[in-house]
Amino acid sequence: MTREEKYGSVFPAFAMALSVYINMAAMVLLPLLLLSGAPLVAYSSSAQLRAISTLFLIKFLAISSYNYLATKAANFHLGILGLSLAWITPYHFITLVRLALSIITGGGVPLFTPSGLIVEDGSTRTVANRIKVALWDHGFIIHVTIIASLLAGIAASFRAATQSGNTQSIWAEVFARAGWPPIFLICFEYILSCCTPLSYSITPPKAMTRSALMDRDPQTLLAYPNRQAKDPAPSVSE
């Protein structure tokens, strides 16, 4: 492997690991900031607050336009701020931590080992059992904790804002805390994304059998992928 090939493989991996750490830190620190009840936007006058809001509106429209065009081009839903897949971040974080600990302790790099075909048993046929398995076996308890902490942080932030004086001051304080559009949209995206495992547990996707994705030639008896097998995967929003 040449030096260019090494750099080409190291930089994307480093960028992915860095984004995982940043997203995980945001999931942990954002509820703590909201629970503190402190203002998240610094402004000295109502005119300055309106100017900051206008700048954010321009930025939001630009990001939303880009995500819309990227969604149409790639047939993949990116969400409002591109955080629709944030629910996978805890799993990526746990994987990177296990990898780092394994390398530090001298255990070597863990490799993937196939465990065979996953067979559905009777314990996952009901919704209650599927939710129980998702909570404790698949780590959905982490997402529940994130959702609960974000909701508690938003409630604490609104409570701190309502302790101001007149109505106009209360709305300004709410707008400078959990009501600030970037913070509110990030919290909304995180909560909506962390509900994805729950939606999978309630309405799991149907696994297509091999015979349903193949068309067999009556003359040669050879099987070929049909149109459904060749179609791209549906987007997250579907």
Protein backbone atom coordinates (compact mmCIF):
# COMPACT_ATOMS: atom_id res chain seq x y z
CA MET A 1 0.00 0.00 0.00
CA THR A 2 1.43 3.36 -1.04
CA ARG A 3 1.62 6.41 1.19
CA GLU A 4 -1.22 8.09 -0.70
CA GLU A 5 -3.44 5.05 -0.21
CA LYS A 6 -2.66 5.01 3.51
CA TYR A 7 -3.52 8.69 3.87
CA GLY A 8 -6.67 8.18 1.80
CA SER A 9 -7.87 5.47 4.18
CA VAL A 10 -6.75 7.14 7.43
CA PHE A 11 -8.31 10.58 6.92
CA PRO A 12 -11.92 9.37 6.31
CA ALA A 13 -11.66 7.03 9.30
CA PHE A 14 -10.33 9.86 11.48
CA ALA A 15 -13.10 12.21 10.29
CA MET A 16 -15.76 9.58 11.02
CA ALA A 17 -14.37 8.91 14.50
CA LEU A 18 -14.17 12.65 15.23
CA SER A 19 -17.78 13.19 14.13
CA VAL A 20 -18.91 10.31 16.37
CA TYR A 21 -17.15 11.82 19.40
CA ILE A 22 -18.58 15.29 18.66
CA ASN A 23 -22.15 14.00 18.26
CA MET A 24 -21.88 11.90 21.42
CA ALA A 25 -20.51 14.87 23.36
CA ALA A 26 -23.41 16.99 22.07
CA MET A 27 -25.92 14.36 23.23
CA VAL A 28 -24.39 14.43 26.71
CA LEU A 29 -23.60 18.14 27.14
CA LEU A 30 -26.76 19.60 25.58
CA PRO A 31 -29.13 18.26 28.28
CA LEU A 32 -26.71 19.47 30.97
CA LEU A 33 -26.68 22.97 29.49
CA LEU A 34 -30.47 23.01 29.34
CA LEU A 35 -30.78 21.71 32.91
CA SER A 36 -28.60 24.56 34.15
CA GLY A 37 -31.26 27.04 33.02
CA ALA A 38 -28.64 29.54 31.87
CA PRO A 39 -29.19 31.62 28.70
CA LEU A 40 -27.62 30.04 25.63
CA VAL A 41 -27.63 33.21 23.52
CA ALA A 42 -25.77 36.35 24.55
CA TYR A 43 -27.44 39.61 23.49
CA SER A 44 -27.58 43.15 24.85
CA SER A 45 -30.73 44.48 23.21
CA SER A 46 -33.83 43.32 21.36
CA ALA A 47 -32.41 44.70 18.09
CA GLN A 48 -29.32 42.54 18.48
CA LEU A 49 -31.50 39.51 19.18
CA ARG A 50 -33.51 40.19 16.00
CA ALA A 51 -30.27 40.49 13.99
CA ILE A 52 -29.00 37.16 15.34
CA SER A 53 -32.35 35.56 14.52
CA THR A 54 -32.22 36.89 10.96
CA LEU A 55 -28.74 35.51 10.41
CA PHE A 56 -29.81 32.12 11.71
CA LEU A 57 -32.86 32.14 9.43
CA ILE A 58 -30.61 32.69 6.40
CA LYS A 59 -28.31 29.87 7.51
CA PHE A 60 -31.24 27.55 8.18
CA LEU A 61 -32.75 28.18 4.76
CA ALA A 62 -29.38 27.47 3.11
CA ILE A 63 -28.89 24.19 5.02
CA SER A 64 -32.48 23.11 4.39
CA SER A 65 -32.13 23.81 0.67
CA TYR A 66 -28.92 21.80 0.51
CA ASN A 67 -30.47 18.85 2.40
CA TYR A 68 -33.53 18.93 0.14
CA LEU A 69 -31.43 18.85 -3.02
CA ALA A 70 -29.17 16.12 -1.59
CA THR A 71 -32.24 14.09 -0.60
CA LYS A 72 -33.69 14.32 -4.10
CA ALA A 73 -30.36 13.46 -5.72
CA ALA A 74 -29.44 10.51 -3.45
CA ASN A 75 -32.97 9.27 -2.60
CA PHE A 76 -32.01 9.35 1.08
CA HIS A 77 -33.65 11.45 3.78
CA LEU A 78 -31.15 13.64 5.66
CA GLY A 79 -33.56 15.29 8.07
CA ILE A 80 -33.78 18.97 8.97
CA LEU A 81 -30.17 19.40 10.06
CA GLY A 82 -28.75 16.14 8.73
CA LEU A 83 -29.07 14.39 12.11
CA SER A 84 -31.65 11.76 11.16
CA LEU A 85 -29.09 8.98 11.79
CA ALA A 86 -27.94 10.32 15.15
CA TRP A 87 -29.48 7.28 16.88
CA ILE A 88 -26.57 5.17 15.57
CA THR A 89 -24.02 7.43 17.30
CA PRO A 90 -24.08 5.59 20.69
CA TYR A 91 -23.36 2.29 18.94
CA HIS A 92 -20.49 3.83 16.97
CA PHE A 93 -19.14 5.40 20.17
CA ILE A 94 -19.23 2.07 22.04
CA THR A 95 -17.47 0.39 19.11
CA LEU A 96 -14.69 3.00 19.03
CA VAL A 97 -14.22 2.81 22.81
CA ARG A 98 -13.97 -0.99 22.69
CA LEU A 99 -11.50 -0.74 19.82
CA ALA A 100 -9.35 1.78 21.69
CA LEU A 101 -9.39 -0.26 24.91
CA SER A 102 -8.52 -3.43 23.02
CA ILE A 103 -5.53 -1.75 21.36
CA ILE A 104 -4.33 -0.08 24.59
CA THR A 105 -4.52 -3.29 26.63
CA GLY A 106 -2.68 -5.25 23.94
CA GLY A 107 -5.61 -7.39 22.92
CA GLY A 108 -5.22 -6.58 19.23
CA VAL A 109 -7.75 -5.23 16.78
CA PRO A 110 -11.11 -7.03 17.14
CA LEU A 111 -12.29 -8.57 13.89
CA PHE A 112 -15.77 -9.36 12.67
CA THR A 113 -16.79 -12.99 13.10
CA PRO A 114 -20.01 -14.24 11.50
CA SER A 115 -22.47 -15.70 13.98
CA GLY A 116 -24.78 -17.35 11.49
CA LEU A 117 -28.30 -16.54 10.37
CA ILE A 118 -30.51 -14.68 12.81
CA VAL A 119 -33.61 -16.79 13.35
CA GLU A 120 -36.76 -15.26 14.77
CA ASP A 121 -38.01 -17.06 17.83
CA GLY A 122 -41.18 -16.79 19.86
CA SER A 123 -39.72 -14.25 22.28
CA THR A 124 -39.92 -11.43 19.70
CA ARG A 125 -43.36 -12.05 18.22
CA THR A 126 -45.27 -9.65 20.47
CA VAL A 127 -44.71 -5.90 20.66
CA ALA A 128 -44.00 -5.98 24.42
CA ASN A 129 -41.31 -8.63 24.03
CA ARG A 130 -39.74 -6.81 21.10
CA ILE A 131 -39.55 -3.59 23.11
CA LYS A 132 -38.05 -5.49 26.06
CA VAL A 133 -35.40 -7.07 23.83
CA ALA A 134 -34.64 -3.68 22.24
CA LEU A 135 -34.29 -2.01 25.64
CA TRP A 136 -31.90 -4.42 27.30
CA ASP A 137 -30.32 -6.52 24.54
CA HIS A 138 -29.98 -3.92 21.78
CA GLY A 139 -29.16 -0.89 23.92
CA PHE A 140 -32.36 1.11 23.41
CA ILE A 141 -32.12 2.08 27.09
CA ILE A 142 -29.38 4.52 26.01
CA HIS A 143 -31.79 6.26 23.62
CA VAL A 144 -34.50 6.36 26.30
CA THR A 145 -32.02 8.06 28.65
CA ILE A 146 -31.09 10.62 25.98
CA ILE A 147 -34.76 11.38 25.22
CA ALA A 148 -35.65 11.72 28.92
CA SER A 149 -32.67 13.98 29.65
CA LEU A 150 -33.44 16.24 26.67
CA LEU A 151 -37.10 16.58 27.65
CA ALA A 152 -36.11 17.29 31.26
CA GLY A 153 -33.58 19.87 30.09
CA ILE A 154 -36.13 21.63 27.89
CA ALA A 155 -38.63 21.72 30.75
CA ALA A 156 -36.01 23.11 33.15
CA SER A 157 -34.95 25.74 30.62
CA PHE A 158 -38.54 26.91 30.06
CA ARG A 159 -39.11 27.00 33.82
CA ALA A 160 -36.05 29.20 34.32
CA ALA A 161 -37.23 31.51 31.54
CA THR A 162 -40.70 31.99 33.05
CA GLN A 163 -39.21 33.37 36.25
CA SER A 164 -38.59 36.72 34.51
CA GLY A 165 -40.78 39.79 34.84
CA ASN A 166 -43.23 40.93 32.13
CA THR A 167 -44.55 38.86 29.23
CA GLN A 168 -42.21 40.39 26.64
CA SER A 169 -39.20 39.62 28.82
CA ILE A 170 -40.41 36.04 29.32
CA TRP A 171 -40.65 35.44 25.57
CA ALA A 172 -37.17 36.89 25.09
CA GLU A 173 -35.77 34.65 27.82
CA VAL A 174 -37.47 31.59 26.33
CA PHE A 175 -36.10 32.50 22.92
CA ALA A 176 -32.59 32.79 24.37
CA ARG A 177 -32.77 29.35 26.01
CA ALA A 178 -34.52 26.19 24.81
CA GLY A 179 -36.62 28.25 22.40
CA TRP A 180 -33.55 29.30 20.43
CA PRO A 181 -34.19 27.70 16.99
CA PRO A 182 -30.79 25.94 16.59
CA ILE A 183 -31.03 24.39 20.06
CA PHE A 184 -34.70 23.50 19.66
CA LEU A 185 -34.18 21.93 16.23
CA ILE A 186 -31.16 19.92 17.41
CA CYS A 187 -33.15 18.63 20.40
CA PHE A 188 -36.09 17.83 18.11
CA GLU A 189 -33.85 15.93 15.68
CA TYR A 190 -32.12 14.01 18.48
CA ILE A 191 -35.44 13.01 20.07
CA LEU A 192 -36.98 12.05 16.75
CA SER A 193 -33.89 10.08 15.72
CA CYS A 194 -33.61 8.28 19.07
CA CYS A 195 -37.20 7.06 18.61
CA THR A 196 -36.10 5.04 15.56
CA PRO A 197 -35.32 1.85 17.55
CA LEU A 198 -38.74 2.11 19.17
CA SER A 199 -40.43 2.36 15.78
CA TYR A 200 -38.45 -0.68 14.63
CA SER A 201 -39.66 -2.57 17.71
CA ILE A 202 -43.32 -1.67 17.20
CA THR A 203 -43.39 -2.07 13.42
CA PRO A 204 -40.30 -4.07 12.39
CA PRO A 205 -39.40 -4.17 8.70
CA LYS A 206 -40.39 -7.31 6.88
CA ALA A 207 -37.43 -9.44 5.86
CA MET A 208 -37.74 -10.56 2.24
CA THR A 209 -36.95 -14.18 1.49
CA ARG A 210 -34.46 -15.15 -1.18
CA SER A 211 -37.13 -16.71 -3.38
CA ALA A 212 -39.19 -13.50 -3.28
CA LEU A 213 -36.24 -11.52 -4.67
CA MET A 214 -35.40 -13.96 -7.46
CA ASP A 215 -37.01 -14.83 -10.80
CA ARG A 216 -36.27 -18.32 -12.10
CA ASP A 217 -35.88 -18.95 -15.80
CA PRO A 218 -38.26 -21.80 -16.74
CA GLN A 219 -35.89 -23.09 -19.43
CA THR A 220 -32.49 -22.95 -17.71
CA LEU A 221 -33.87 -23.08 -14.12
CA LEU A 222 -31.38 -20.38 -13.19
CA ALA A 223 -32.46 -17.70 -10.71
CA TYR A 224 -31.89 -14.01 -11.42
CA PRO A 225 -32.53 -10.97 -9.17
CA ASN A 226 -35.89 -9.39 -9.95
CA ARG A 227 -36.69 -5.68 -10.16
CA GLN A 228 -37.54 -5.46 -6.45
CA ALA A 229 -34.08 -6.76 -5.53
CA LYS A 230 -32.44 -4.20 -7.83
CA ASP A 231 -34.40 -1.21 -6.52
CA PRO A 232 -32.50 1.09 -4.13
CA ALA A 233 -33.18 0.84 -0.44
CA PRO A 234 -36.00 3.07 0.85
CA SER A 235 -35.14 6.26 2.64
CA VAL A 236 -35.28 6.68 6.41
CA SER A 237 -38.43 8.80 6.16
CA GLU A 238 -40.41 6.04 4.47
